Amino acid sequence: MELLTLFSDWEDQLELPKGAVVFKRGDPADYLYVVTEGEVELKVGDEPLAAELAGGIFGEMSLVQSLRAADAVTLRPTRLARVSREQFRELVREHPDLAIH
């Protein structure tokens, strides 16, 4: 399964400039995100945790937690597919390999 193909025409997409805040630590965690273009850094305070490029998923802890554990900021112009818990459950039923990714 190719994530970029699966999410290329996803209905709920965000286009963000470099330096945009996707979410902040402590925000409500309602969605996970798939990077379809660009790059997003995850960090706590000034401590970088990870960077996700096209095809990467972040915010997946929203499936089990109600609040964000880190900040997510774009490192360059970025396009994200925003996926709700319910949408993710349906996608996993249709594409079981997504759960492994």
Protein backbone atom coordinates (compact mmCIF):
# COMPACT_ATOMS: atom_id res chain seq x y z
CA MET A 1 0.00 0.00 0.00
CA GLU A 2 1.36 3.40 -1.03
CA LEU A 3 0.34 6.11 1.45
CA LEU A 4 0.91 8.97 -0.95
CA THR A 5 -1.40 7.37 -3.51
CA LEU A 6 -4.04 6.58 -0.88
CA PHE A 7 -4.10 10.19 0.37
CA SER A 8 -3.41 12.09 -2.87
CA ASP A 9 -7.07 13.04 -3.33
CA TRP A 10 -8.06 13.01 0.34
CA GLU A 11 -10.94 15.41 0.93
CA ASP A 12 -9.61 17.06 4.13
CA GLN A 13 -6.20 18.49 3.24
CA LEU A 14 -4.33 21.44 4.72
CA GLU A 15 -1.78 23.51 2.83
CA LEU A 16 0.57 25.27 5.22
CA PRO A 17 3.55 27.62 4.77
CA LYS A 18 6.95 27.10 6.36
CA GLY A 19 6.82 27.72 10.12
CA ALA A 20 3.11 27.00 10.52
CA VAL A 21 2.01 25.36 13.77
CA VAL A 22 -0.06 22.24 13.07
CA PHE A 23 -0.72 21.70 16.79
CA LYS A 24 0.79 22.55 20.17
CA ARG A 25 1.47 20.32 23.15
CA GLY A 26 -1.69 20.15 25.24
CA ASP A 27 -4.07 20.84 22.33
CA PRO A 28 -7.04 18.48 21.91
CA ALA A 29 -6.02 15.44 19.83
CA ASP A 30 -8.79 14.88 17.31
CA TYR A 31 -6.87 13.94 14.14
CA LEU A 32 -3.76 12.24 12.85
CA TYR A 33 -1.93 13.63 9.83
CA VAL A 34 -0.28 12.18 6.74
CA VAL A 35 2.40 14.33 5.11
CA THR A 36 1.65 14.32 1.39
CA GLU A 37 4.20 17.02 0.58
CA GLY A 38 6.78 18.92 2.65
CA GLU A 39 8.17 18.29 6.13
CA VAL A 40 6.94 18.57 9.73
CA GLU A 41 9.07 18.67 12.89
CA LEU A 42 7.77 17.25 16.16
CA LYS A 43 9.30 18.69 19.30
CA VAL A 44 8.79 19.27 23.01
CA GLY A 45 9.94 22.75 23.91
CA ASP A 46 13.23 23.24 22.04
CA GLU A 47 13.98 19.49 21.94
CA PRO A 48 13.37 17.97 18.47
CA LEU A 49 11.83 14.48 18.56
CA ALA A 50 11.35 13.62 14.89
CA ALA A 51 10.77 15.00 11.41
CA GLU A 52 8.22 13.54 9.03
CA LEU A 53 8.57 13.80 5.25
CA ALA A 54 6.11 12.92 2.48
CA GLY A 55 4.56 9.56 3.30
CA GLY A 56 5.06 10.01 7.04
CA ILE A 57 2.31 9.87 9.65
CA PHE A 58 2.24 11.91 12.85
CA GLY A 59 -0.29 12.68 15.54
CA GLU A 60 -1.31 9.03 15.64
CA MET A 61 -1.25 9.12 19.42
CA SER A 62 -4.52 11.04 19.02
CA LEU A 63 -6.09 7.61 18.58
CA VAL A 64 -5.34 6.78 22.23
CA GLN A 65 -4.80 10.14 23.96
CA SER A 66 -7.06 13.14 24.25
CA LEU A 67 -4.27 15.77 24.33
CA ARG A 68 -1.20 16.37 22.16
CA ALA A 69 2.14 15.34 23.68
CA ALA A 70 4.33 17.52 21.42
CA ASP A 71 4.36 20.52 19.09
CA ALA A 72 4.21 20.00 15.31
CA VAL A 73 5.62 22.75 13.06
CA THR A 74 6.19 22.77 9.31
CA LEU A 75 9.83 23.07 8.20
CA ARG A 76 8.89 24.08 4.63
CA PRO A 77 5.65 24.54 2.69
CA THR A 78 3.64 21.43 3.47
CA ARG A 79 0.44 19.63 2.50
CA LEU A 80 -1.22 17.37 5.07
CA ALA A 81 -4.13 14.94 4.88
CA ARG A 82 -6.10 15.24 8.13
CA VAL A 83 -7.67 11.95 9.28
CA SER A 84 -10.21 11.55 12.10
CA ARG A 85 -10.39 8.51 14.39
CA GLU A 86 -13.47 7.26 12.57
CA GLN A 87 -11.85 7.70 9.15
CA PHE A 88 -8.73 5.89 10.35
CA ARG A 89 -10.78 2.93 11.61
CA GLU A 90 -12.52 2.66 8.24
CA LEU A 91 -9.21 2.91 6.37
CA VAL A 92 -7.71 0.11 8.49
CA ARG A 93 -10.69 -2.10 7.67
CA GLU A 94 -10.13 -1.44 3.95
CA HIS A 95 -6.29 -1.43 4.10
CA PRO A 96 -5.08 -3.53 7.08
CA ASP A 97 -1.42 -2.75 6.28
CA LEU A 98 -2.07 0.86 7.27
CA ALA A 99 -2.25 -0.22 10.93
CA ILE A 100 1.30 -1.60 10.67
CA HIS A 101 2.66 1.57 9.09
